[in-house]
Amino acid sequence: MIASQKVREGKLVKVEVECGESIRKIKITGDFFLYPEDVLEEIERSMLGLRKDADAETITSKIQSIAEARGAQMIGIGAESLASVIKEALK
């Protein structure tokens, strides 16, 4: 399943997901920036095993907690916007 959106922060985000009842594989790409760069991989790993019907608040919370713990700078995207694209891919 794939979703692609131009988020409110102005950047294009694409999410590819493989799932059954839960997420087995996820790839997030786009023209946004995350620093440090490996934070994106950590966010992707945190989504593995997440139920397909997880709400946007749960997804947003996971993204925010990783970003805050790592002191990440999210440029051109926010946690809520990223969660929205992930939810769209899960539909």
Protein backbone atom coordinates (compact mmCIF):
# COMPACT_ATOMS: atom_id res chain seq x y z
CA MET A 1 0.00 0.00 0.00
CA ILE A 2 1.29 3.44 -0.90
CA ALA A 3 0.31 6.99 0.04
CA SER A 4 1.83 10.21 -1.18
CA GLN A 5 0.89 13.69 0.04
CA LYS A 6 2.14 17.23 0.04
CA VAL A 7 1.95 17.95 3.77
CA ARG A 8 0.96 21.25 5.36
CA GLU A 9 4.61 22.08 6.01
CA GLY A 10 5.01 22.13 2.22
CA LYS A 11 7.01 19.01 1.45
CA LEU A 12 6.10 15.83 -0.41
CA VAL A 13 6.01 12.64 1.67
CA LYS A 14 5.62 9.10 0.36
CA VAL A 15 4.94 6.07 2.56
CA GLU A 16 5.04 2.46 1.36
CA VAL A 17 3.63 -0.15 3.75
CA GLU A 18 3.36 -3.93 3.75
CA CYS A 19 0.93 -5.22 6.33
CA GLY A 20 -1.58 -7.81 7.34
CA GLU A 21 -3.15 -7.08 10.72
CA SER A 22 0.01 -5.18 11.63
CA ILE A 23 2.82 -3.38 9.81
CA ARG A 24 5.51 -5.77 8.54
CA LYS A 25 7.53 -3.32 6.46
CA ILE A 26 7.46 0.47 6.01
CA LYS A 27 9.52 2.90 3.93
CA ILE A 28 9.19 6.68 4.33
CA THR A 29 10.65 8.96 1.67
CA GLY A 30 10.19 12.52 0.48
CA ASP A 31 11.77 15.93 0.05
CA PHE A 32 11.81 16.71 3.79
CA PHE A 33 14.84 16.61 6.10
CA LEU A 34 15.45 14.90 9.42
CA TYR A 35 18.61 15.44 11.40
CA PRO A 36 20.23 13.24 12.51
CA GLU A 37 19.39 11.23 9.39
CA ASP A 38 19.15 7.86 11.16
CA VAL A 39 16.11 9.11 13.08
CA LEU A 40 13.99 8.22 10.04
CA GLU A 41 15.13 4.59 10.24
CA GLU A 42 14.32 4.59 13.95
CA ILE A 43 10.83 5.94 13.23
CA GLU A 44 10.31 3.24 10.59
CA ARG A 45 11.42 0.52 13.05
CA SER A 46 9.03 1.89 15.69
CA MET A 47 6.11 1.37 13.29
CA LEU A 48 6.85 -2.34 12.77
CA GLY A 49 4.27 -4.48 14.53
CA LEU A 50 1.86 -1.56 14.90
CA ARG A 51 -1.71 -2.63 14.23
CA LYS A 52 -3.18 -1.56 10.91
CA ASP A 53 -6.07 0.14 12.73
CA ALA A 54 -3.86 2.20 15.07
CA ASP A 55 -5.14 5.75 15.44
CA ALA A 56 -3.27 8.85 14.27
CA GLU A 57 -2.62 9.93 17.86
CA THR A 58 -0.74 6.70 18.62
CA ILE A 59 1.39 7.06 15.50
CA THR A 60 2.05 10.75 16.19
CA SER A 61 3.05 9.96 19.77
CA LYS A 62 5.59 7.35 18.64
CA ILE A 63 7.13 9.77 16.13
CA GLN A 64 7.25 12.63 18.65
CA SER A 65 8.82 10.52 21.38
CA ILE A 66 11.63 9.38 19.07
CA ALA A 67 12.22 12.89 17.72
CA GLU A 68 12.33 14.36 21.24
CA ALA A 69 14.55 11.61 22.65
CA ARG A 70 17.05 12.09 19.82
CA GLY A 71 16.81 15.89 19.71
CA ALA A 72 15.86 15.57 16.05
CA GLN A 73 15.23 18.51 13.78
CA MET A 74 12.29 17.90 11.45
CA ILE A 75 12.49 20.29 8.51
CA GLY A 76 9.57 20.41 6.09
CA ILE A 77 7.52 17.89 8.03
CA GLY A 78 5.97 17.46 11.46
CA ALA A 79 5.02 14.40 13.48
CA GLU A 80 1.29 14.90 12.87
CA SER A 81 1.76 15.29 9.12
CA LEU A 82 3.92 12.17 8.91
CA ALA A 83 1.37 10.23 10.96
CA SER A 84 -1.37 11.38 8.57
CA VAL A 85 0.47 10.00 5.53
CA ILE A 86 1.15 6.71 7.34
CA LYS A 87 -2.56 6.41 8.22
CA GLU A 88 -3.47 7.09 4.59
CA ALA A 89 -1.14 4.30 3.46
CA LEU A 90 -2.80 1.90 5.91
CA LYS A 91 -6.29 2.41 4.44
